[in-house]
Structures are given as structure tokens and as C-alpha cells.
Amino acid sequence: MSTMEQLGDSLTSLSGHLSHNNYSLSVDGSDALSNISVVSIKGQERLNEPWQYQIDFTSEDKQISIASMLSQAASLTFHPNQSPLQVTQISSFDHVAKTRKLYGIIT
């Protein structure tokens, strides 16, 4: 196998492991809301002030009402980008990104 073929195979395997959604939203108390997909997030965090996030999401369940969402406890998880194994093997930098989780109430 030539060097170019090996490089092409490596790039193909790298692109197959990329995830485009690094967030997940969980709403407590409802099994129907388990298939939520985050579309966009806008957030504000400042020292000594309440934080606020505006989250746009979609779901397979088209019958979700606004009233069923309001005042529900929820958590937003930020998933770190996972480097493919090939990138990790050639890197001398051992940085492990941590998952971050925020808890709040939907308003």
C-alpha cells in the first residue's frame, strides 16, 4: 500500500468518528422528552450574577406543549470533542477534556 493510500485511509477513518452535536439536554420527569436534540445555545455567565442559557431544540415528539416544559428541572451537558485515536497517538499533548453539566429550571 502506498503512502498516499495510507494517508487517505487515515483521513477517512478520522472523518468517520466526528460528532457534530456536543450538547445534550435532559428534562426531568418526562420519558417522552428523551429524544431531544440541541440545535443551538446562547449563554451568559458573569461573576456574582445568575447565569442564563437560551437553548433551541427539536424532538421526534411533535406533541410537546409549552406548558409541559415550563418549570421543569433540566440539565444541559457539554460533551468535549473526542480526538480520534490516530490524532491522540501522534500528539504528545495529554489533555483530557472534561464533561460539564449545568442544572436549572426551564422558564
N, C-alpha and C. Protein backbone atom coordinates (compact mmCIF):
# COMPACT_ATOMS: atom_id res chain seq x y z
N MET A 1 0.86 -1.17 0.00
CA MET A 1 0.00 0.00 0.00
C MET A 1 0.90 1.23 0.00
N SER A 2 0.61 2.18 -0.87
CA SER A 2 1.43 3.38 -0.98
C SER A 2 1.16 4.33 0.19
N THR A 3 2.05 5.28 0.36
CA THR A 3 1.91 6.27 1.42
C THR A 3 0.64 7.09 1.23
N MET A 4 0.32 7.44 0.00
CA MET A 4 -0.89 8.22 -0.28
C MET A 4 -2.15 7.43 0.06
N GLU A 5 -2.16 6.15 -0.22
CA GLU A 5 -3.32 5.32 0.13
C GLU A 5 -3.47 5.22 1.65
N GLN A 6 -2.35 5.07 2.36
CA GLN A 6 -2.40 5.01 3.82
C GLN A 6 -2.93 6.32 4.39
N LEU A 7 -2.46 7.44 3.84
CA LEU A 7 -2.92 8.75 4.29
C LEU A 7 -4.41 8.91 4.02
N GLY A 8 -4.86 8.49 2.84
CA GLY A 8 -6.28 8.56 2.50
C GLY A 8 -7.13 7.72 3.44
N ASP A 9 -6.68 6.52 3.75
CA ASP A 9 -7.41 5.65 4.69
C ASP A 9 -7.46 6.27 6.08
N SER A 10 -6.37 6.87 6.51
CA SER A 10 -6.33 7.51 7.83
C SER A 10 -7.30 8.68 7.90
N LEU A 11 -7.32 9.51 6.86
CA LEU A 11 -8.24 10.65 6.84
C LEU A 11 -9.69 10.20 6.80
N THR A 12 -9.97 9.15 6.06
CA THR A 12 -11.33 8.62 6.01
C THR A 12 -11.76 8.11 7.38
N SER A 13 -10.87 7.42 8.08
CA SER A 13 -11.23 6.92 9.41
C SER A 13 -11.39 8.06 10.41
N LEU A 14 -10.64 9.13 10.25
CA LEU A 14 -10.79 10.29 11.14
C LEU A 14 -12.15 10.94 10.97
N SER A 15 -12.56 11.14 9.74
CA SER A 15 -13.83 11.83 9.49
C SER A 15 -15.03 10.99 9.91
N GLY A 16 -14.88 9.69 9.99
CA GLY A 16 -15.98 8.83 10.38
C GLY A 16 -16.30 8.86 11.86
N HIS A 17 -15.43 9.47 12.68
CA HIS A 17 -15.63 9.47 14.12
C HIS A 17 -15.99 10.84 14.67
N LEU A 18 -16.22 11.81 13.81
CA LEU A 18 -16.52 13.15 14.29
C LEU A 18 -17.99 13.27 14.65
N SER A 19 -18.25 13.92 15.77
CA SER A 19 -19.63 14.17 16.20
C SER A 19 -19.91 15.65 16.04
N HIS A 20 -21.07 15.99 15.52
CA HIS A 20 -21.40 17.39 15.29
C HIS A 20 -22.22 17.99 16.41
N ASN A 21 -22.75 17.21 17.30
CA ASN A 21 -23.55 17.74 18.40
C ASN A 21 -22.84 17.45 19.71
N ASN A 22 -22.30 18.50 20.31
CA ASN A 22 -21.53 18.35 21.54
C ASN A 22 -22.34 18.69 22.77
N TYR A 23 -23.66 18.72 22.66
CA TYR A 23 -24.53 19.09 23.77
C TYR A 23 -25.65 18.07 23.90
N SER A 24 -26.13 17.90 25.13
CA SER A 24 -27.35 17.12 25.31
C SER A 24 -28.19 17.79 26.39
N LEU A 25 -29.49 17.78 26.18
CA LEU A 25 -30.44 18.38 27.10
C LEU A 25 -31.33 17.29 27.66
N SER A 26 -31.44 17.25 28.98
CA SER A 26 -32.31 16.28 29.64
C SER A 26 -33.33 17.03 30.48
N VAL A 27 -34.60 16.68 30.32
CA VAL A 27 -35.67 17.30 31.08
C VAL A 27 -36.20 16.25 32.04
N ASP A 28 -36.21 16.57 33.33
CA ASP A 28 -36.64 15.62 34.35
C ASP A 28 -38.15 15.40 34.30
N GLY A 29 -38.57 14.20 34.65
CA GLY A 29 -39.98 13.90 34.83
C GLY A 29 -40.76 13.57 33.58
N SER A 30 -40.08 13.35 32.46
CA SER A 30 -40.83 13.02 31.25
C SER A 30 -40.02 12.08 30.38
N ASP A 31 -40.54 10.87 30.17
CA ASP A 31 -39.88 9.93 29.28
C ASP A 31 -40.06 10.32 27.82
N ALA A 32 -41.13 11.07 27.52
CA ALA A 32 -41.40 11.48 26.15
C ALA A 32 -40.35 12.44 25.63
N LEU A 33 -39.64 13.10 26.53
CA LEU A 33 -38.65 14.09 26.12
C LEU A 33 -37.24 13.52 26.05
N SER A 34 -37.13 12.22 25.93
CA SER A 34 -35.81 11.60 25.90
C SER A 34 -35.09 11.77 24.56
N ASN A 35 -35.82 12.09 23.51
CA ASN A 35 -35.22 12.24 22.18
C ASN A 35 -35.05 13.70 21.79
N ILE A 36 -34.50 14.49 22.70
CA ILE A 36 -34.28 15.91 22.43
C ILE A 36 -32.92 16.08 21.77
N SER A 37 -32.89 16.88 20.71
CA SER A 37 -31.64 17.20 20.03
C SER A 37 -31.43 18.71 20.08
N VAL A 38 -30.30 19.14 20.62
CA VAL A 38 -29.99 20.56 20.75
C VAL A 38 -29.60 21.12 19.39
N VAL A 39 -30.26 22.22 19.00
CA VAL A 39 -29.98 22.88 17.73
C VAL A 39 -29.00 24.03 17.93
N SER A 40 -29.26 24.87 18.95
CA SER A 40 -28.36 26.00 19.22
C SER A 40 -28.42 26.39 20.69
N ILE A 41 -27.36 27.05 21.13
CA ILE A 41 -27.25 27.50 22.52
C ILE A 41 -26.66 28.91 22.52
N LYS A 42 -27.28 29.79 23.31
CA LYS A 42 -26.72 31.11 23.60
C LYS A 42 -26.66 31.22 25.12
N GLY A 43 -25.51 31.57 25.65
CA GLY A 43 -25.39 31.62 27.10
C GLY A 43 -24.68 32.85 27.60
N GLN A 44 -25.01 33.23 28.83
CA GLN A 44 -24.35 34.34 29.52
C GLN A 44 -23.98 33.87 30.91
N GLU A 45 -22.72 34.02 31.24
CA GLU A 45 -22.24 33.74 32.59
C GLU A 45 -21.37 34.90 33.02
N ARG A 46 -21.65 35.44 34.21
CA ARG A 46 -20.85 36.53 34.77
C ARG A 46 -20.65 36.26 36.25
N LEU A 47 -19.56 36.78 36.78
CA LEU A 47 -19.30 36.62 38.21
C LEU A 47 -20.36 37.32 39.03
N ASN A 48 -20.81 36.65 40.08
CA ASN A 48 -21.78 37.19 41.04
C ASN A 48 -23.12 37.57 40.42
N GLU A 49 -23.47 36.95 39.31
CA GLU A 49 -24.77 37.17 38.67
C GLU A 49 -25.34 35.83 38.24
N PRO A 50 -26.67 35.74 38.20
CA PRO A 50 -27.28 34.49 37.71
C PRO A 50 -26.90 34.24 36.25
N TRP A 51 -26.69 32.99 35.90
CA TRP A 51 -26.39 32.66 34.52
C TRP A 51 -27.68 32.34 33.78
N GLN A 52 -27.63 32.46 32.47
CA GLN A 52 -28.81 32.21 31.64
C GLN A 52 -28.38 31.60 30.32
N TYR A 53 -29.13 30.59 29.91
CA TYR A 53 -28.89 29.94 28.62
C TYR A 53 -30.20 29.88 27.85
N GLN A 54 -30.14 30.23 26.58
CA GLN A 54 -31.28 30.05 25.69
C GLN A 54 -30.94 28.86 24.80
N ILE A 55 -31.76 27.83 24.88
CA ILE A 55 -31.49 26.59 24.16
C ILE A 55 -32.62 26.33 23.17
N ASP A 56 -32.28 26.21 21.91
CA ASP A 56 -33.24 25.81 20.89
C ASP A 56 -33.03 24.32 20.64
N PHE A 57 -34.13 23.58 20.64
CA PHE A 57 -34.02 22.13 20.46
C PHE A 57 -35.14 21.63 19.58
N THR A 58 -34.98 20.41 19.14
CA THR A 58 -36.00 19.73 18.36
C THR A 58 -36.21 18.34 18.96
N SER A 59 -37.32 17.74 18.63
CA SER A 59 -37.63 16.41 19.15
C SER A 59 -38.46 15.65 18.13
N GLU A 60 -38.37 14.34 18.21
CA GLU A 60 -39.21 13.49 17.36
C GLU A 60 -40.67 13.57 17.79
N ASP A 61 -40.89 13.89 19.05
CA ASP A 61 -42.25 14.02 19.59
C ASP A 61 -42.81 15.39 19.23
N LYS A 62 -43.69 15.45 18.27
CA LYS A 62 -44.24 16.73 17.79
C LYS A 62 -45.39 17.23 18.65
N GLN A 63 -45.76 16.47 19.68
CA GLN A 63 -46.89 16.85 20.54
C GLN A 63 -46.44 17.52 21.84
N ILE A 64 -45.19 17.91 21.96
CA ILE A 64 -44.71 18.56 23.19
C ILE A 64 -45.35 19.93 23.30
N SER A 65 -46.00 20.19 24.43
CA SER A 65 -46.61 21.50 24.64
C SER A 65 -45.67 22.39 25.46
N ILE A 66 -45.82 23.69 25.29
CA ILE A 66 -45.01 24.65 26.05
C ILE A 66 -45.28 24.48 27.54
N ALA A 67 -46.54 24.30 27.90
CA ALA A 67 -46.91 24.15 29.31
C ALA A 67 -46.23 22.95 29.96
N SER A 68 -46.02 21.88 29.20
CA SER A 68 -45.38 20.70 29.77
C SER A 68 -43.89 20.91 30.01
N MET A 69 -43.31 21.91 29.37
CA MET A 69 -41.88 22.19 29.53
C MET A 69 -41.59 23.21 30.62
N LEU A 70 -42.47 24.19 30.78
CA LEU A 70 -42.21 25.27 31.74
C LEU A 70 -42.12 24.75 33.16
N SER A 71 -41.20 25.31 33.92
CA SER A 71 -40.96 25.00 35.34
C SER A 71 -40.41 23.60 35.57
N GLN A 72 -39.96 22.93 34.53
CA GLN A 72 -39.37 21.60 34.68
C GLN A 72 -37.87 21.71 34.98
N ALA A 73 -37.39 20.85 35.85
CA ALA A 73 -35.95 20.77 36.10
C ALA A 73 -35.28 20.16 34.88
N ALA A 74 -34.12 20.69 34.53
CA ALA A 74 -33.42 20.20 33.34
C ALA A 74 -31.92 20.27 33.57
N SER A 75 -31.19 19.54 32.74
CA SER A 75 -29.74 19.62 32.77
C SER A 75 -29.22 19.70 31.34
N LEU A 76 -28.19 20.52 31.17
CA LEU A 76 -27.53 20.70 29.88
C LEU A 76 -26.11 20.19 30.04
N THR A 77 -25.72 19.26 29.20
CA THR A 77 -24.39 18.67 29.28
C THR A 77 -23.57 19.10 28.07
N PHE A 78 -22.38 19.61 28.34
CA PHE A 78 -21.42 19.96 27.30
C PHE A 78 -20.44 18.79 27.18
N HIS A 79 -20.46 18.12 26.06
CA HIS A 79 -19.58 16.98 25.83
C HIS A 79 -18.32 17.49 25.13
N PRO A 80 -17.15 17.13 25.64
CA PRO A 80 -15.91 17.59 24.99
C PRO A 80 -15.73 16.90 23.65
N ASN A 81 -15.02 17.57 22.75
CA ASN A 81 -14.67 16.94 21.49
C ASN A 81 -13.71 15.80 21.77
N GLN A 82 -14.00 14.65 21.25
CA GLN A 82 -13.13 13.49 21.43
C GLN A 82 -12.22 13.38 20.22
N SER A 83 -10.94 13.44 20.47
CA SER A 83 -9.97 13.29 19.38
C SER A 83 -9.95 11.84 18.93
N PRO A 84 -9.93 11.63 17.63
CA PRO A 84 -9.81 10.26 17.14
C PRO A 84 -8.50 9.63 17.61
N LEU A 85 -8.48 8.32 17.68
CA LEU A 85 -7.33 7.59 18.19
C LEU A 85 -6.06 7.95 17.42
N GLN A 86 -6.15 8.10 16.10
CA GLN A 86 -4.96 8.40 15.31
C GLN A 86 -4.35 9.74 15.72
N VAL A 87 -5.17 10.75 16.00
CA VAL A 87 -4.67 12.05 16.40
C VAL A 87 -4.04 11.95 17.78
N THR A 88 -4.66 11.22 18.68
CA THR A 88 -4.13 11.04 20.03
C THR A 88 -2.78 10.35 19.99
N GLN A 89 -2.62 9.40 19.09
CA GLN A 89 -1.37 8.65 19.02
C GLN A 89 -0.21 9.51 18.52
N ILE A 90 -0.46 10.48 17.66
CA ILE A 90 0.63 11.30 17.13
C ILE A 90 0.86 12.57 17.94
N SER A 91 0.03 12.82 18.92
CA SER A 91 0.15 14.02 19.74
C SER A 91 0.91 13.70 21.03
N SER A 92 1.75 14.64 21.44
CA SER A 92 2.45 14.48 22.71
C SER A 92 1.72 15.20 23.83
N PHE A 93 0.60 15.82 23.51
CA PHE A 93 -0.16 16.60 24.48
C PHE A 93 -1.26 15.73 25.07
N ASP A 94 -1.17 15.43 26.35
CA ASP A 94 -2.15 14.58 27.02
C ASP A 94 -3.19 15.44 27.72
N HIS A 95 -4.06 16.05 26.95
CA HIS A 95 -5.12 16.88 27.53
C HIS A 95 -6.42 16.10 27.46
N VAL A 96 -7.03 15.92 28.61
CA VAL A 96 -8.31 15.22 28.67
C VAL A 96 -9.38 16.25 29.00
N ALA A 97 -10.25 16.52 28.04
CA ALA A 97 -11.33 17.47 28.26
C ALA A 97 -12.40 16.82 29.13
N LYS A 98 -12.96 17.61 30.03
CA LYS A 98 -13.96 17.09 30.95
C LYS A 98 -15.36 17.52 30.52
N THR A 99 -16.32 16.66 30.82
CA THR A 99 -17.72 16.97 30.58
C THR A 99 -18.17 18.00 31.60
N ARG A 100 -18.98 18.95 31.14
CA ARG A 100 -19.53 19.97 32.04
C ARG A 100 -21.05 19.84 32.02
N LYS A 101 -21.67 19.92 33.20
CA LYS A 101 -23.12 19.77 33.29
C LYS A 101 -23.69 20.93 34.08
N LEU A 102 -24.72 21.57 33.52
CA LEU A 102 -25.43 22.66 34.18
C LEU A 102 -26.83 22.20 34.53
N TYR A 103 -27.30 22.61 35.70
CA TYR A 103 -28.64 22.25 36.16
C TYR A 103 -29.46 23.52 36.30
N GLY A 104 -30.73 23.44 35.96
CA GLY A 104 -31.59 24.61 36.11
C GLY A 104 -33.05 24.27 35.92
N ILE A 105 -33.84 25.33 35.82
CA ILE A 105 -35.29 25.23 35.63
C ILE A 105 -35.64 25.92 34.32
N ILE A 106 -36.51 25.30 33.54
CA ILE A 106 -36.94 25.88 32.27
C ILE A 106 -37.94 26.99 32.55
N THR A 107 -37.64 28.19 32.02
CA THR A 107 -38.54 29.34 32.21
C THR A 107 -38.98 29.90 30.88
